[in-house]
Structure formats: C-alpha cells, structure tokens
Amino acid sequence: MKYFLQFSYNGKAYHGWQNQPNAISVQEVLEKAFATLLREKVSLVGAGRTDAGVHAKQMFAHFEIDPIQDVKDLKYKLNAILPEDIAVQEIIHVSKEAHARFDAVSRTYEYWITQRKDPFYKDGAHYVKQDIEIERMNEAALLLLEHDDFECFSKSNTDVYTYLCDITAANWVIEDDLLIFTITANRFLRNMVRAIVGTLLDVGVGKSNIDDVKAIINSKNRSNAGTSVPAKGLYLTQVIYPKSTFLTHG
C-alpha cells in the first residue's frame, strides 16, 4: 500500500532533503529509521528538494510497504528514534497513483530576516543591519506575479526542463522582531527563493530599484540578480495537494 509521510525538520545539520553520496541528508535519516523499525528497506520520494541548511515546517514524501496495522504506533516509534531536529506529524493512506512530488499543486516558502542581533535567531534568520524599506520590496515583489520565466533566479548549470513557474503570492510583512517574505508557486527552481530574496533586499536597502528588477527578470541571466541569502533563514512551510489525494489520516 502507498502512504504519505508528513514531517518537519530543522535543516542546520543536513545537506538538504535528498540523499547525497558523501553527506548526511534528511531522507537518509528517515529511511534508516523506517528500516530499523520495519526491518526492511523503505524508499521515500519527497515533494521536492531543499538545499543544505534549509528548514521545512511541512514536508511530504511517499512510500510503499505492506499495510500498516497501527499507524499511530508507527508514528510514535519513528519519533522516538528520530533525532530531535526531525519530527513526523502524520502517516496518511493514499491511492496507488498518488505521488508526493508530481501531485503537489502549490508550495509555500518563508524567508526570515531579523534587523537586530539576536542569539535566538542565530540559526534561523538572516541578520541585516541596514535600514530596509519594506514598501519598496513589496512593490518589487509584485513584479514576480507578472512574469513566469525565472531563469535569472535559477542556480547555474541545473538540469531542468523549463524555467517557467506560476507564482501566485509574494509579499513581505513585519511580525514581531522578524521581517518575513512569503512566496507561493506551483514549483520552484533550485536556489530560486534565496536569489529572489537577495534581489529584493537590494531594492530594500537602496542598491537597486524597480526598473532594475524588471531588467533582471527579462535578462534571464543569474549573474544579474542579487546574491543568494543564507539558507538558514529559509523555510518550506506548506505543500498543498488535491483533497482526493488523501484516503485516511493517521
């Protein structure tokens, strides 16, 4: 039977979601936990990739095994042996055709910036000491909704079939001590959100303007966009699927 695993993780200690030959990944740790409990190899297919150091408040992966007799018990045992920086929220029975990556209709990321030195945000937010004009950054963010080709924000030399993405929301808000950028799209390119944030920050601190952002997007050239901000401030916060994907919740 096929199941979806819903989980979250702090990415500081990991070289991203996907298995790497010479580095520890979230996928590797989860698959080892399953193997320990079930005494069989379980292959997880994630909803997407997150780069080294990026966090996930909500992530999904699918796997196929014999029917699980007690879903709550398996969830409890997984959490008991997983490290503190990875947590399982749900194990959900899905149809045989369900796919964690291809069935996702949207993904949402947040990027956290702090404007003051704060030890509690040391590993979870990017510290920017310059004054930031949030109104200008929001004006620039609206340009993202007017375009669909984002090659300029894609990591160079990536093997992708298209640079087209449908961005449906992109905005900055102030929440307590944080300046938070939220962006939603059907798909994202590698390094895309961090490159977008770096480009918008250039606008916010006065290094560039709205016309510059237009020119960057139209250029389709990564070297014209802003510097990628650190991974520690990036969070995958939501992955949306059609309701028909889920058969039961555990």
Protein backbone atom coordinates (compact mmCIF):
# COMPACT_ATOMS: atom_id res chain seq x y z
CA MET A 1 0.00 0.00 0.00
CA LYS A 2 1.07 3.58 -0.56
CA TYR A 3 1.35 6.17 2.21
CA PHE A 4 2.26 9.83 2.52
CA LEU A 5 4.57 10.84 5.34
CA GLN A 6 4.09 14.38 6.67
CA PHE A 7 7.09 15.64 8.61
CA SER A 8 9.19 18.67 9.53
CA TYR A 9 12.85 19.32 10.16
CA ASN A 10 15.48 21.83 11.15
CA GLY A 11 17.91 21.70 8.27
CA LYS A 12 21.01 23.02 10.02
CA ALA A 13 22.71 19.62 10.38
CA TYR A 14 21.73 18.27 6.95
CA HIS A 15 22.93 18.56 3.40
CA GLY A 16 19.38 19.09 2.20
CA TRP A 17 16.49 16.65 1.79
CA GLN A 18 17.86 14.34 -0.90
CA ASN A 19 20.37 11.53 -0.36
CA GLN A 20 23.97 12.55 -1.03
CA PRO A 21 26.96 10.23 -1.56
CA ASN A 22 29.23 11.92 0.99
CA ALA A 23 26.94 13.95 3.26
CA ILE A 24 24.07 13.33 5.66
CA SER A 25 20.55 14.12 4.39
CA VAL A 26 17.07 14.19 5.91
CA GLN A 27 15.98 11.44 3.50
CA GLU A 28 18.79 9.16 4.67
CA VAL A 29 17.94 9.60 8.36
CA LEU A 30 14.23 8.92 7.79
CA GLU A 31 14.85 5.87 5.61
CA LYS A 32 17.21 4.43 8.24
CA ALA A 33 14.55 4.96 10.92
CA PHE A 34 11.99 3.05 8.84
CA ALA A 35 14.48 0.26 8.17
CA THR A 36 15.24 -0.07 11.87
CA LEU A 37 11.58 -0.35 12.85
CA LEU A 38 10.22 -2.36 9.95
CA ARG A 39 13.33 -4.44 9.20
CA GLU A 40 13.01 -3.72 5.50
CA LYS A 41 14.21 -1.09 3.06
CA VAL A 42 11.78 1.78 2.60
CA SER A 43 12.37 4.27 -0.21
CA LEU A 44 10.96 7.76 0.30
CA VAL A 45 10.07 10.06 -2.61
CA GLY A 46 9.92 13.67 -1.44
CA ALA A 47 7.67 16.51 -2.52
CA GLY A 48 10.77 18.32 -3.68
CA ARG A 49 14.34 19.15 -2.78
CA THR A 50 15.51 21.55 -0.14
CA ASP A 51 19.12 22.72 -0.22
CA ALA A 52 21.66 22.26 2.56
CA GLY A 53 20.67 24.17 5.69
CA VAL A 54 17.09 24.91 4.58
CA HIS A 55 14.29 24.05 7.03
CA ALA A 56 10.83 22.56 6.48
CA LYS A 57 7.82 23.19 8.67
CA GLN A 58 5.76 20.95 6.42
CA MET A 59 7.18 18.39 4.02
CA PHE A 60 5.74 15.26 2.42
CA ALA A 61 7.17 12.06 0.99
CA HIS A 62 5.51 8.90 -0.26
CA PHE A 63 6.49 5.27 0.26
CA GLU A 64 5.07 1.81 -0.42
CA ILE A 65 5.04 -1.07 2.10
CA ASP A 66 2.73 -3.82 3.32
CA PRO A 67 -0.39 -2.48 5.10
CA ILE A 68 0.46 -0.72 8.39
CA GLN A 69 -1.53 -2.30 11.22
CA ASP A 70 -1.23 0.61 13.67
CA VAL A 71 -0.39 3.96 12.08
CA LYS A 72 -0.31 5.88 15.37
CA ASP A 73 2.06 3.35 16.90
CA LEU A 74 4.43 3.57 13.93
CA LYS A 75 4.37 7.36 14.08
CA TYR A 76 5.16 7.26 17.83
CA LYS A 77 8.05 4.82 17.32
CA LEU A 78 9.51 6.83 14.44
CA ASN A 79 9.52 9.99 16.54
CA ALA A 80 11.09 8.08 19.42
CA ILE A 81 14.15 7.07 17.39
CA LEU A 82 14.48 10.08 15.10
CA PRO A 83 16.83 12.89 16.19
CA GLU A 84 15.32 15.98 17.78
CA ASP A 85 15.60 18.00 14.58
CA ILE A 86 13.23 15.74 12.57
CA ALA A 87 9.58 15.10 13.53
CA VAL A 88 6.80 13.06 11.93
CA GLN A 89 3.30 14.60 12.07
CA GLU A 90 1.18 12.15 10.06
CA ILE A 91 1.24 8.91 8.09
CA ILE A 92 -1.60 9.03 5.58
CA HIS A 93 -3.02 6.27 3.39
CA VAL A 94 -3.19 7.44 -0.23
CA SER A 95 -4.20 5.98 -3.57
CA LYS A 96 -1.74 3.83 -5.52
CA GLU A 97 -1.45 6.60 -8.12
CA ALA A 98 -0.61 9.36 -5.61
CA HIS A 99 2.82 11.00 -5.98
CA ALA A 100 4.32 13.33 -3.37
CA ARG A 101 6.17 15.41 -5.94
CA PHE A 102 4.01 15.41 -9.05
CA ASP A 103 0.61 15.74 -7.33
CA ALA A 104 1.53 18.84 -5.32
CA VAL A 105 -0.37 21.84 -6.70
CA SER A 106 1.48 24.52 -4.73
CA ARG A 107 4.37 25.07 -2.39
CA THR A 108 4.93 27.97 0.01
CA TYR A 109 8.21 29.22 1.43
CA GLU A 110 9.02 31.83 4.06
CA TYR A 111 12.27 33.72 4.45
CA TRP A 112 13.06 35.24 7.84
CA ILE A 113 15.15 38.37 8.37
CA THR A 114 16.00 39.94 11.70
CA GLN A 115 17.08 43.56 11.98
CA ARG A 116 18.84 43.18 15.31
CA LYS A 117 21.46 40.83 16.61
CA ASP A 118 19.55 38.10 18.43
CA PRO A 119 21.11 34.83 19.66
CA PHE A 120 17.75 33.07 19.38
CA TYR A 121 17.63 33.75 15.64
CA LYS A 122 21.29 32.89 15.08
CA ASP A 123 20.46 29.64 13.24
CA GLY A 124 17.00 30.54 11.95
CA ALA A 125 17.07 34.02 10.43
CA HIS A 126 19.34 36.24 8.34
CA TYR A 127 20.64 39.30 10.20
CA VAL A 128 20.57 42.51 8.12
CA LYS A 129 21.74 45.64 9.92
CA GLN A 130 20.96 48.18 7.17
CA ASP A 131 17.65 50.03 7.14
CA ILE A 132 15.14 48.21 4.92
CA GLU A 133 12.24 49.81 3.04
CA ILE A 134 9.57 47.10 3.12
CA GLU A 135 7.18 49.10 0.91
CA ARG A 136 9.72 49.20 -1.93
CA MET A 137 10.39 45.48 -1.59
CA ASN A 138 6.68 44.71 -1.76
CA GLU A 139 6.37 46.85 -4.87
CA ALA A 140 9.22 44.89 -6.45
CA ALA A 141 7.72 41.56 -5.29
CA LEU A 142 4.54 42.30 -7.24
CA LEU A 143 6.60 42.10 -10.44
CA LEU A 144 7.07 38.39 -9.80
CA LEU A 145 3.34 37.82 -10.31
CA GLU A 146 3.55 39.44 -13.75
CA HIS A 147 6.17 37.01 -15.09
CA ASP A 148 6.55 33.27 -15.47
CA ASP A 149 10.14 32.74 -16.69
CA PHE A 150 12.56 32.88 -13.76
CA GLU A 151 15.79 31.63 -15.29
CA CYS A 152 17.52 34.67 -13.76
CA PHE A 153 16.90 33.27 -10.27
CA SER A 154 17.88 29.66 -11.03
CA LYS A 155 21.12 28.10 -9.90
CA SER A 156 23.51 27.89 -12.84
CA ASN A 157 24.10 24.59 -14.66
CA THR A 158 20.96 22.90 -13.35
CA ASP A 159 19.29 20.21 -15.42
CA VAL A 160 15.69 21.44 -15.61
CA TYR A 161 13.20 21.07 -18.45
CA THR A 162 11.69 24.54 -18.00
CA TYR A 163 12.25 27.76 -16.08
CA LEU A 164 8.53 28.52 -16.05
CA CYS A 165 6.88 28.89 -12.62
CA ASP A 166 3.43 30.21 -11.71
CA ILE A 167 3.95 32.48 -8.69
CA THR A 168 0.59 33.26 -7.09
CA ALA A 169 1.68 35.21 -3.97
CA ALA A 170 4.79 37.12 -2.91
CA ASN A 171 4.89 39.67 -0.11
CA TRP A 172 6.78 40.98 2.91
CA VAL A 173 5.29 41.51 6.38
CA ILE A 174 6.64 42.51 9.77
CA GLU A 175 5.85 40.03 12.55
CA ASP A 176 7.24 40.96 15.97
CA ASP A 177 11.03 41.02 15.55
CA LEU A 178 11.04 39.46 12.11
CA LEU A 179 10.68 40.66 8.55
CA ILE A 180 9.11 37.70 6.71
CA PHE A 181 8.89 37.13 2.98
CA THR A 182 6.23 34.61 1.88
CA ILE A 183 6.08 33.21 -1.65
CA THR A 184 3.75 30.61 -3.18
CA ALA A 185 4.10 28.91 -6.57
CA ASN A 186 3.30 25.66 -8.34
CA ARG A 187 7.03 24.88 -8.48
CA PHE A 188 10.39 26.43 -7.67
CA LEU A 189 13.79 26.27 -9.30
CA ARG A 190 16.93 25.39 -7.36
CA ASN A 191 18.10 28.33 -5.23
CA MET A 192 15.22 30.41 -6.62
CA VAL A 193 13.74 31.78 -3.39
CA ARG A 194 17.11 32.74 -1.91
CA ALA A 195 18.07 34.54 -5.13
CA ILE A 196 14.72 36.37 -5.19
CA VAL A 197 15.14 37.48 -1.58
CA GLY A 198 18.67 38.71 -2.27
CA THR A 199 17.41 40.69 -5.27
CA LEU A 200 14.51 42.22 -3.31
CA LEU A 201 16.83 43.09 -0.43
CA ASP A 202 18.97 45.10 -2.85
CA VAL A 203 15.83 47.16 -3.54
CA GLY A 204 15.03 47.43 0.16
CA VAL A 205 18.45 48.83 1.11
CA GLY A 206 18.57 51.18 -1.88
CA LYS A 207 21.17 49.37 -4.01
CA SER A 208 18.70 48.92 -6.89
CA ASN A 209 15.20 49.94 -7.97
CA ILE A 210 12.03 48.55 -9.55
CA ASP A 211 13.29 49.06 -13.10
CA ASP A 212 16.44 47.10 -12.22
CA VAL A 213 14.31 44.14 -11.09
CA LYS A 214 12.36 44.24 -14.35
CA ALA A 215 15.63 44.21 -16.30
CA ILE A 216 16.98 41.32 -14.20
CA ILE A 217 13.91 39.15 -14.86
CA ASN A 218 13.94 39.93 -18.58
CA SER A 219 17.67 39.23 -18.86
CA LYS A 220 17.25 35.55 -17.84
CA ASN A 221 20.81 35.83 -16.52
CA ARG A 222 21.58 34.64 -12.97
CA SER A 223 24.66 36.87 -12.73
CA ASN A 224 22.43 39.96 -12.98
CA ALA A 225 20.30 39.02 -9.96
CA GLY A 226 21.16 39.62 -6.32
CA THR A 227 23.35 37.46 -4.10
CA SER A 228 21.63 34.39 -2.64
CA VAL A 229 20.81 34.94 1.03
CA PRO A 230 21.90 32.31 3.61
CA ALA A 231 19.95 29.03 3.72
CA LYS A 232 19.32 29.27 7.48
CA GLY A 233 16.50 31.81 7.01
CA LEU A 234 14.51 29.72 4.50
CA TYR A 235 11.53 27.55 5.50
CA LEU A 236 9.27 25.35 3.39
CA THR A 237 6.01 26.00 5.20
CA GLN A 238 3.24 24.36 3.17
CA VAL A 239 2.69 21.84 0.38
CA ILE A 240 -0.85 21.62 -1.00
CA TYR A 241 -2.43 18.56 -2.64
CA PRO A 242 -5.89 17.94 -4.05
CA LYS A 243 -8.22 16.66 -1.30
CA SER A 244 -8.76 13.48 -3.31
CA THR A 245 -5.12 12.51 -2.72
CA PHE A 246 -5.69 11.53 0.91
CA LEU A 247 -7.73 8.46 1.85
CA THR A 248 -7.14 8.36 5.62
CA HIS A 249 -5.24 10.30 8.26
CA GLY A 250 -3.07 8.74 10.93
